[in-house]
């Protein structure tokens, strides 16, 4: 479902961005940002 239109590397980079939001920038997070 989710790798049909994106590469593993693209998902990996997005996962790193998500992890940064959740761990380091949670207080800056606006609704819908993740």
ModelCIF file with pLDDT and N, C-alpha, C, O atoms, coordinates in Angstrom:
data_MODEL
#
_entry.id   MODEL 
#
_entity.id                         1 
_entity.type                       polymer 
_entity.pdbx_number_of_molecules   1 
#
_entity_poly.entity_id                      1 
_entity_poly.type                           'polypeptide(L)' 
_entity_poly.nstd_linkage                   no 
_entity_poly.nstd_monomer                   no 
_entity_poly.pdbx_seq_one_letter_code       
;(UNK)(UNK)(UNK)(UNK)(UNK)(UNK)(UNK)(UNK)(UNK)(UNK)(UNK)(UNK)(UNK)(UNK)(UNK)(UNK)
(UNK)(UNK)(UNK)(UNK)(UNK)(UNK)(UNK)(UNK)(UNK)(UNK)(UNK)(UNK)(UNK)(UNK)(UNK)(UNK)
(UNK)(UNK)
;
_entity_poly.pdbx_seq_one_letter_code_can   XXXXXXXXXXXXXXXXXXXXXXXXXXXXXXXXXX 
_entity_poly.pdbx_strand_id                 A 
#
loop_
_entity_poly_seq.entity_id 
_entity_poly_seq.num 
_entity_poly_seq.mon_id 
_entity_poly_seq.hetero 
1 1  UNK n 
1 2  UNK n 
1 3  UNK n 
1 4  UNK n 
1 5  UNK n 
1 6  UNK n 
1 7  UNK n 
1 8  UNK n 
1 9  UNK n 
1 10 UNK n 
1 11 UNK n 
1 12 UNK n 
1 13 UNK n 
1 14 UNK n 
1 15 UNK n 
1 16 UNK n 
1 17 UNK n 
1 18 UNK n 
1 19 UNK n 
1 20 UNK n 
1 21 UNK n 
1 22 UNK n 
1 23 UNK n 
1 24 UNK n 
1 25 UNK n 
1 26 UNK n 
1 27 UNK n 
1 28 UNK n 
1 29 UNK n 
1 30 UNK n 
1 31 UNK n 
1 32 UNK n 
1 33 UNK n 
1 34 UNK n 
#
_struct_asym.id          A 
_struct_asym.entity_id   1 
#
loop_
_ma_qa_metric.id 
_ma_qa_metric.mode 
_ma_qa_metric.name 
_ma_qa_metric.software_group_id 
_ma_qa_metric.type 
1 global pLDDT . pLDDT 
2 local  pLDDT . pLDDT 
#
_ma_qa_metric_global.metric_id      1 
_ma_qa_metric_global.metric_value   76.00 
_ma_qa_metric_global.model_id       1 
_ma_qa_metric_global.ordinal_id     1 
#
loop_
_ma_qa_metric_local.label_asym_id 
_ma_qa_metric_local.label_comp_id 
_ma_qa_metric_local.label_seq_id 
_ma_qa_metric_local.metric_id 
_ma_qa_metric_local.metric_value 
_ma_qa_metric_local.model_id 
_ma_qa_metric_local.ordinal_id 
A UNK 1  2 94.00 1 1  
A UNK 2  2 94.00 1 2  
A UNK 3  2 93.00 1 3  
A UNK 4  2 92.00 1 4  
A UNK 5  2 89.00 1 5  
A UNK 6  2 92.00 1 6  
A UNK 7  2 94.00 1 7  
A UNK 8  2 94.00 1 8  
A UNK 9  2 95.00 1 9  
A UNK 10 2 95.00 1 10 
A UNK 11 2 95.00 1 11 
A UNK 12 2 95.00 1 12 
A UNK 13 2 94.00 1 13 
A UNK 14 2 93.00 1 14 
A UNK 15 2 94.00 1 15 
A UNK 16 2 93.00 1 16 
A UNK 17 2 90.00 1 17 
A UNK 18 2 89.00 1 18 
A UNK 19 2 86.00 1 19 
A UNK 20 2 83.00 1 20 
A UNK 21 2 69.00 1 21 
A UNK 22 2 66.00 1 22 
A UNK 23 2 57.00 1 23 
A UNK 24 2 50.00 1 24 
A UNK 25 2 42.00 1 25 
A UNK 26 2 48.00 1 26 
A UNK 27 2 48.00 1 27 
A UNK 28 2 46.00 1 28 
A UNK 29 2 45.00 1 29 
A UNK 30 2 52.00 1 30 
A UNK 31 2 50.00 1 31 
A UNK 32 2 47.00 1 32 
A UNK 33 2 53.00 1 33 
A UNK 34 2 67.00 1 34 
#
loop_
_atom_site.group_PDB 
_atom_site.id 
_atom_site.type_symbol 
_atom_site.label_atom_id 
_atom_site.label_alt_id 
_atom_site.label_comp_id 
_atom_site.label_asym_id 
_atom_site.label_entity_id 
_atom_site.label_seq_id 
_atom_site.pdbx_PDB_ins_code 
_atom_site.Cartn_x 
_atom_site.Cartn_y 
_atom_site.Cartn_z 
_atom_site.occupancy 
_atom_site.B_iso_or_equiv 
_atom_site.pdbx_formal_charge 
_atom_site.auth_seq_id 
_atom_site.auth_comp_id 
_atom_site.auth_asym_id 
_atom_site.auth_atom_id 
_atom_site.pdbx_PDB_model_num 
ATOM 1   N N  . UNK A 1 1  ? 0.815  -1.218 0.000  1.00 94.00 ? 1  UNK A N  1 
ATOM 2   C CA . UNK A 1 1  ? 0.000  0.000  0.000  1.00 94.00 ? 1  UNK A CA 1 
ATOM 3   C C  . UNK A 1 1  ? 0.848  1.268  0.000  1.00 94.00 ? 1  UNK A C  1 
ATOM 4   O O  . UNK A 1 1  ? 0.530  2.227  -0.704 1.00 94.00 ? 1  UNK A O  1 
ATOM 5   N N  . UNK A 1 2  ? 1.926  1.280  0.785  1.00 94.00 ? 2  UNK A N  1 
ATOM 6   C CA . UNK A 1 2  ? 2.654  2.531  0.992  1.00 94.00 ? 2  UNK A CA 1 
ATOM 7   C C  . UNK A 1 2  ? 3.998  2.612  0.267  1.00 94.00 ? 2  UNK A C  1 
ATOM 8   O O  . UNK A 1 2  ? 4.560  3.700  0.141  1.00 94.00 ? 2  UNK A O  1 
ATOM 9   N N  . UNK A 1 3  ? 4.517  1.492  -0.206 1.00 93.00 ? 3  UNK A N  1 
ATOM 10  C CA . UNK A 1 3  ? 5.774  1.556  -0.961 1.00 93.00 ? 3  UNK A CA 1 
ATOM 11  C C  . UNK A 1 3  ? 5.547  1.444  -2.466 1.00 93.00 ? 3  UNK A C  1 
ATOM 12  O O  . UNK A 1 3  ? 6.501  1.350  -3.238 1.00 93.00 ? 3  UNK A O  1 
ATOM 13  N N  . UNK A 1 4  ? 4.287  1.455  -2.874 1.00 92.00 ? 4  UNK A N  1 
ATOM 14  C CA . UNK A 1 4  ? 3.984  1.385  -4.305 1.00 92.00 ? 4  UNK A CA 1 
ATOM 15  C C  . UNK A 1 4  ? 4.427  2.650  -5.031 1.00 92.00 ? 4  UNK A C  1 
ATOM 16  O O  . UNK A 1 4  ? 4.817  2.594  -6.197 1.00 92.00 ? 4  UNK A O  1 
ATOM 17  N N  . UNK A 1 5  ? 4.367  3.794  -4.343 1.00 89.00 ? 5  UNK A N  1 
ATOM 18  C CA . UNK A 1 5  ? 4.682  5.068  -5.016 1.00 89.00 ? 5  UNK A CA 1 
ATOM 19  C C  . UNK A 1 5  ? 5.863  5.789  -4.385 1.00 89.00 ? 5  UNK A C  1 
ATOM 20  O O  . UNK A 1 5  ? 6.173  6.910  -4.791 1.00 89.00 ? 5  UNK A O  1 
ATOM 21  N N  . UNK A 1 6  ? 6.534  5.185  -3.405 1.00 92.00 ? 6  UNK A N  1 
ATOM 22  C CA . UNK A 1 6  ? 7.725  5.794  -2.840 1.00 92.00 ? 6  UNK A CA 1 
ATOM 23  C C  . UNK A 1 6  ? 8.801  4.759  -2.562 1.00 92.00 ? 6  UNK A C  1 
ATOM 24  O O  . UNK A 1 6  ? 8.522  3.574  -2.381 1.00 92.00 ? 6  UNK A O  1 
ATOM 25  N N  . UNK A 1 7  ? 10.023 5.233  -2.534 1.00 94.00 ? 7  UNK A N  1 
ATOM 26  C CA . UNK A 1 7  ? 11.138 4.327  -2.305 1.00 94.00 ? 7  UNK A CA 1 
ATOM 27  C C  . UNK A 1 7  ? 11.353 4.120  -0.802 1.00 94.00 ? 7  UNK A C  1 
ATOM 28  O O  . UNK A 1 7  ? 10.851 4.880  0.026  1.00 94.00 ? 7  UNK A O  1 
ATOM 29  N N  . UNK A 1 8  ? 12.104 3.085  -0.480 1.00 94.00 ? 8  UNK A N  1 
ATOM 30  C CA . UNK A 1 8  ? 12.447 2.829  0.914  1.00 94.00 ? 8  UNK A CA 1 
ATOM 31  C C  . UNK A 1 8  ? 13.210 4.014  1.496  1.00 94.00 ? 8  UNK A C  1 
ATOM 32  O O  . UNK A 1 8  ? 12.987 4.387  2.648  1.00 94.00 ? 8  UNK A O  1 
ATOM 33  N N  . UNK A 1 9  ? 14.109 4.610  0.712  1.00 95.00 ? 9  UNK A N  1 
ATOM 34  C CA . UNK A 1 9  ? 14.897 5.752  1.199  1.00 95.00 ? 9  UNK A CA 1 
ATOM 35  C C  . UNK A 1 9  ? 14.019 6.943  1.525  1.00 95.00 ? 9  UNK A C  1 
ATOM 36  O O  . UNK A 1 9  ? 14.267 7.648  2.503  1.00 95.00 ? 9  UNK A O  1 
ATOM 37  N N  . UNK A 1 10 ? 12.991 7.178  0.713  1.00 95.00 ? 10 UNK A N  1 
ATOM 38  C CA . UNK A 1 10 ? 12.070 8.287  0.984  1.00 95.00 ? 10 UNK A CA 1 
ATOM 39  C C  . UNK A 1 10 ? 11.317 8.065  2.293  1.00 95.00 ? 10 UNK A C  1 
ATOM 40  O O  . UNK A 1 10 ? 11.136 8.996  3.078  1.00 95.00 ? 10 UNK A O  1 
ATOM 41  N N  . UNK A 1 11 ? 10.887 6.845  2.519  1.00 95.00 ? 11 UNK A N  1 
ATOM 42  C CA . UNK A 1 11 ? 10.175 6.536  3.763  1.00 95.00 ? 11 UNK A CA 1 
ATOM 43  C C  . UNK A 1 11 ? 11.137 6.637  4.948  1.00 95.00 ? 11 UNK A C  1 
ATOM 44  O O  . UNK A 1 11 ? 10.757 7.111  6.019  1.00 95.00 ? 11 UNK A O  1 
ATOM 45  N N  . UNK A 1 12 ? 12.367 6.198  4.758  1.00 95.00 ? 12 UNK A N  1 
ATOM 46  C CA . UNK A 1 12 ? 13.352 6.284  5.842  1.00 95.00 ? 12 UNK A CA 1 
ATOM 47  C C  . UNK A 1 12 ? 13.589 7.741  6.237  1.00 95.00 ? 12 UNK A C  1 
ATOM 48  O O  . UNK A 1 12 ? 13.635 8.054  7.427  1.00 95.00 ? 12 UNK A O  1 
ATOM 49  N N  . UNK A 1 13 ? 13.738 8.632  5.259  1.00 94.00 ? 13 UNK A N  1 
ATOM 50  C CA . UNK A 1 13 ? 13.944 10.046 5.574  1.00 94.00 ? 13 UNK A CA 1 
ATOM 51  C C  . UNK A 1 13 ? 12.728 10.636 6.290  1.00 94.00 ? 13 UNK A C  1 
ATOM 52  O O  . UNK A 1 13 ? 12.871 11.431 7.219  1.00 94.00 ? 13 UNK A O  1 
ATOM 53  N N  . UNK A 1 14 ? 11.548 10.246 5.857  1.00 93.00 ? 14 UNK A N  1 
ATOM 54  C CA . UNK A 1 14 ? 10.324 10.727 6.498  1.00 93.00 ? 14 UNK A CA 1 
ATOM 55  C C  . UNK A 1 14 ? 10.222 10.212 7.931  1.00 93.00 ? 14 UNK A C  1 
ATOM 56  O O  . UNK A 1 14 ? 9.763  10.928 8.821  1.00 93.00 ? 14 UNK A O  1 
ATOM 57  N N  . UNK A 1 15 ? 10.649 8.976  8.149  1.00 94.00 ? 15 UNK A N  1 
ATOM 58  C CA . UNK A 1 15 ? 10.630 8.409  9.491  1.00 94.00 ? 15 UNK A CA 1 
ATOM 59  C C  . UNK A 1 15 ? 11.584 9.172  10.412 1.00 94.00 ? 15 UNK A C  1 
ATOM 60  O O  . UNK A 1 15 ? 11.263 9.422  11.574 1.00 94.00 ? 15 UNK A O  1 
ATOM 61  N N  . UNK A 1 16 ? 12.743 9.537  9.897  1.00 93.00 ? 16 UNK A N  1 
ATOM 62  C CA . UNK A 1 16 ? 13.684 10.319 10.698 1.00 93.00 ? 16 UNK A CA 1 
ATOM 63  C C  . UNK A 1 16 ? 13.086 11.678 11.060 1.00 93.00 ? 16 UNK A C  1 
ATOM 64  O O  . UNK A 1 16 ? 13.258 12.165 12.177 1.00 93.00 ? 16 UNK A O  1 
ATOM 65  N N  . UNK A 1 17 ? 12.381 12.283 10.098 1.00 90.00 ? 17 UNK A N  1 
ATOM 66  C CA . UNK A 1 17 ? 11.730 13.570 10.370 1.00 90.00 ? 17 UNK A CA 1 
ATOM 67  C C  . UNK A 1 17 ? 10.639 13.410 11.428 1.00 90.00 ? 17 UNK A C  1 
ATOM 68  O O  . UNK A 1 17 ? 10.514 14.242 12.327 1.00 90.00 ? 17 UNK A O  1 
ATOM 69  N N  . UNK A 1 18 ? 9.856  12.346 11.320 1.00 89.00 ? 18 UNK A N  1 
ATOM 70  C CA . UNK A 1 18 ? 8.809  12.076 12.314 1.00 89.00 ? 18 UNK A CA 1 
ATOM 71  C C  . UNK A 1 18 ? 9.407  11.891 13.700 1.00 89.00 ? 18 UNK A C  1 
ATOM 72  O O  . UNK A 1 18 ? 8.908  12.445 14.680 1.00 89.00 ? 18 UNK A O  1 
ATOM 73  N N  . UNK A 1 19 ? 10.475 11.112 13.776 1.00 86.00 ? 19 UNK A N  1 
ATOM 74  C CA . UNK A 1 19 ? 11.119 10.845 15.050 1.00 86.00 ? 19 UNK A CA 1 
ATOM 75  C C  . UNK A 1 19 ? 11.627 12.142 15.681 1.00 86.00 ? 19 UNK A C  1 
ATOM 76  O O  . UNK A 1 19 ? 11.533 12.320 16.895 1.00 86.00 ? 19 UNK A O  1 
ATOM 77  N N  . UNK A 1 20 ? 12.164 13.045 14.860 1.00 83.00 ? 20 UNK A N  1 
ATOM 78  C CA . UNK A 1 20 ? 12.646 14.331 15.360 1.00 83.00 ? 20 UNK A CA 1 
ATOM 79  C C  . UNK A 1 20 ? 11.509 15.151 15.955 1.00 83.00 ? 20 UNK A C  1 
ATOM 80  O O  . UNK A 1 20 ? 11.652 15.751 17.020 1.00 83.00 ? 20 UNK A O  1 
ATOM 81  N N  . UNK A 1 21 ? 10.369 15.170 15.246 1.00 69.00 ? 21 UNK A N  1 
ATOM 82  C CA . UNK A 1 21 ? 9.209  15.903 15.764 1.00 69.00 ? 21 UNK A CA 1 
ATOM 83  C C  . UNK A 1 21 ? 8.766  15.339 17.102 1.00 69.00 ? 21 UNK A C  1 
ATOM 84  O O  . UNK A 1 21 ? 8.536  16.099 18.043 1.00 69.00 ? 21 UNK A O  1 
ATOM 85  N N  . UNK A 1 22 ? 8.644  14.044 17.205 1.00 66.00 ? 22 UNK A N  1 
ATOM 86  C CA . UNK A 1 22 ? 8.108  13.428 18.416 1.00 66.00 ? 22 UNK A CA 1 
ATOM 87  C C  . UNK A 1 22 ? 9.057  13.543 19.603 1.00 66.00 ? 22 UNK A C  1 
ATOM 88  O O  . UNK A 1 22 ? 8.614  13.719 20.738 1.00 66.00 ? 22 UNK A O  1 
ATOM 89  N N  . UNK A 1 23 ? 10.355 13.445 19.347 1.00 57.00 ? 23 UNK A N  1 
ATOM 90  C CA . UNK A 1 23 ? 11.312 13.385 20.447 1.00 57.00 ? 23 UNK A CA 1 
ATOM 91  C C  . UNK A 1 23 ? 11.881 14.762 20.797 1.00 57.00 ? 23 UNK A C  1 
ATOM 92  O O  . UNK A 1 23 ? 11.999 15.102 21.974 1.00 57.00 ? 23 UNK A O  1 
ATOM 93  N N  . UNK A 1 24 ? 12.236 15.559 19.777 1.00 50.00 ? 24 UNK A N  1 
ATOM 94  C CA . UNK A 1 24 ? 12.968 16.785 20.030 1.00 50.00 ? 24 UNK A CA 1 
ATOM 95  C C  . UNK A 1 24 ? 12.140 18.055 19.870 1.00 50.00 ? 24 UNK A C  1 
ATOM 96  O O  . UNK A 1 24 ? 12.454 19.075 20.483 1.00 50.00 ? 24 UNK A O  1 
ATOM 97  N N  . UNK A 1 25 ? 11.089 18.009 19.057 1.00 42.00 ? 25 UNK A N  1 
ATOM 98  C CA . UNK A 1 25 ? 10.374 19.249 18.741 1.00 42.00 ? 25 UNK A CA 1 
ATOM 99  C C  . UNK A 1 25 ? 8.889  19.154 19.080 1.00 42.00 ? 25 UNK A C  1 
ATOM 100 O O  . UNK A 1 25 ? 8.069  19.856 18.487 1.00 42.00 ? 25 UNK A O  1 
ATOM 101 N N  . UNK A 1 26 ? 8.544  18.298 20.020 1.00 48.00 ? 26 UNK A N  1 
ATOM 102 C CA . UNK A 1 26 ? 7.131  18.081 20.341 1.00 48.00 ? 26 UNK A CA 1 
ATOM 103 C C  . UNK A 1 26 ? 6.428  19.365 20.751 1.00 48.00 ? 26 UNK A C  1 
ATOM 104 O O  . UNK A 1 26 ? 5.271  19.572 20.384 1.00 48.00 ? 26 UNK A O  1 
ATOM 105 N N  . UNK A 1 27 ? 7.098  20.232 21.503 1.00 48.00 ? 27 UNK A N  1 
ATOM 106 C CA . UNK A 1 27 ? 6.450  21.452 21.982 1.00 48.00 ? 27 UNK A CA 1 
ATOM 107 C C  . UNK A 1 27 ? 6.154  22.430 20.845 1.00 48.00 ? 27 UNK A C  1 
ATOM 108 O O  . UNK A 1 27 ? 5.270  23.277 20.976 1.00 48.00 ? 27 UNK A O  1 
ATOM 109 N N  . UNK A 1 28 ? 6.880  22.324 19.735 1.00 46.00 ? 28 UNK A N  1 
ATOM 110 C CA . UNK A 1 28 ? 6.625  23.184 18.582 1.00 46.00 ? 28 UNK A CA 1 
ATOM 111 C C  . UNK A 1 28 ? 5.541  22.628 17.671 1.00 46.00 ? 28 UNK A C  1 
ATOM 112 O O  . UNK A 1 28 ? 5.089  23.306 16.749 1.00 46.00 ? 28 UNK A O  1 
ATOM 113 N N  . UNK A 1 29 ? 5.130  21.407 17.927 1.00 45.00 ? 29 UNK A N  1 
ATOM 114 C CA . UNK A 1 29 ? 4.270  20.679 16.996 1.00 45.00 ? 29 UNK A CA 1 
ATOM 115 C C  . UNK A 1 29 ? 2.863  21.257 16.991 1.00 45.00 ? 29 UNK A C  1 
ATOM 116 O O  . UNK A 1 29 ? 2.225  21.384 18.036 1.00 45.00 ? 29 UNK A O  1 
ATOM 117 N N  . UNK A 1 30 ? 2.395  21.602 15.808 1.00 52.00 ? 30 UNK A N  1 
ATOM 118 C CA . UNK A 1 30 ? 1.030  22.071 15.634 1.00 52.00 ? 30 UNK A CA 1 
ATOM 119 C C  . UNK A 1 30 ? 0.155  20.890 15.208 1.00 52.00 ? 30 UNK A C  1 
ATOM 120 O O  . UNK A 1 30 ? 0.664  19.908 14.669 1.00 52.00 ? 30 UNK A O  1 
ATOM 121 N N  . UNK A 1 31 ? -1.168 20.978 15.447 1.00 50.00 ? 31 UNK A N  1 
ATOM 122 C CA . UNK A 1 31 ? -2.048 19.881 15.032 1.00 50.00 ? 31 UNK A CA 1 
ATOM 123 C C  . UNK A 1 31 ? -1.875 19.552 13.552 1.00 50.00 ? 31 UNK A C  1 
ATOM 124 O O  . UNK A 1 31 ? -1.915 20.446 12.706 1.00 50.00 ? 31 UNK A O  1 
ATOM 125 N N  . UNK A 1 32 ? -1.684 18.282 13.243 1.00 47.00 ? 32 UNK A N  1 
ATOM 126 C CA . UNK A 1 32 ? -1.538 17.854 11.856 1.00 47.00 ? 32 UNK A CA 1 
ATOM 127 C C  . UNK A 1 32 ? -0.124 17.808 11.345 1.00 47.00 ? 32 UNK A C  1 
ATOM 128 O O  . UNK A 1 32 ? 0.130  17.217 10.295 1.00 47.00 ? 32 UNK A O  1 
ATOM 129 N N  . UNK A 1 33 ? 0.828  18.427 12.072 1.00 53.00 ? 33 UNK A N  1 
ATOM 130 C CA . UNK A 1 33 ? 2.214  18.480 11.597 1.00 53.00 ? 33 UNK A CA 1 
ATOM 131 C C  . UNK A 1 33 ? 2.819  17.106 11.326 1.00 53.00 ? 33 UNK A C  1 
ATOM 132 O O  . UNK A 1 33 ? 3.448  16.931 10.283 1.00 53.00 ? 33 UNK A O  1 
ATOM 133 N N  . UNK A 1 34 ? 2.660  16.119 12.217 1.00 67.00 ? 34 UNK A N  1 
ATOM 134 C CA . UNK A 1 34 ? 3.316  14.825 11.965 1.00 67.00 ? 34 UNK A CA 1 
ATOM 135 C C  . UNK A 1 34 ? 2.850  14.126 10.701 1.00 67.00 ? 34 UNK A C  1 
ATOM 136 O O  . UNK A 1 34 ? 3.328  13.036 10.387 1.00 67.00 ? 34 UNK A O  1 
#
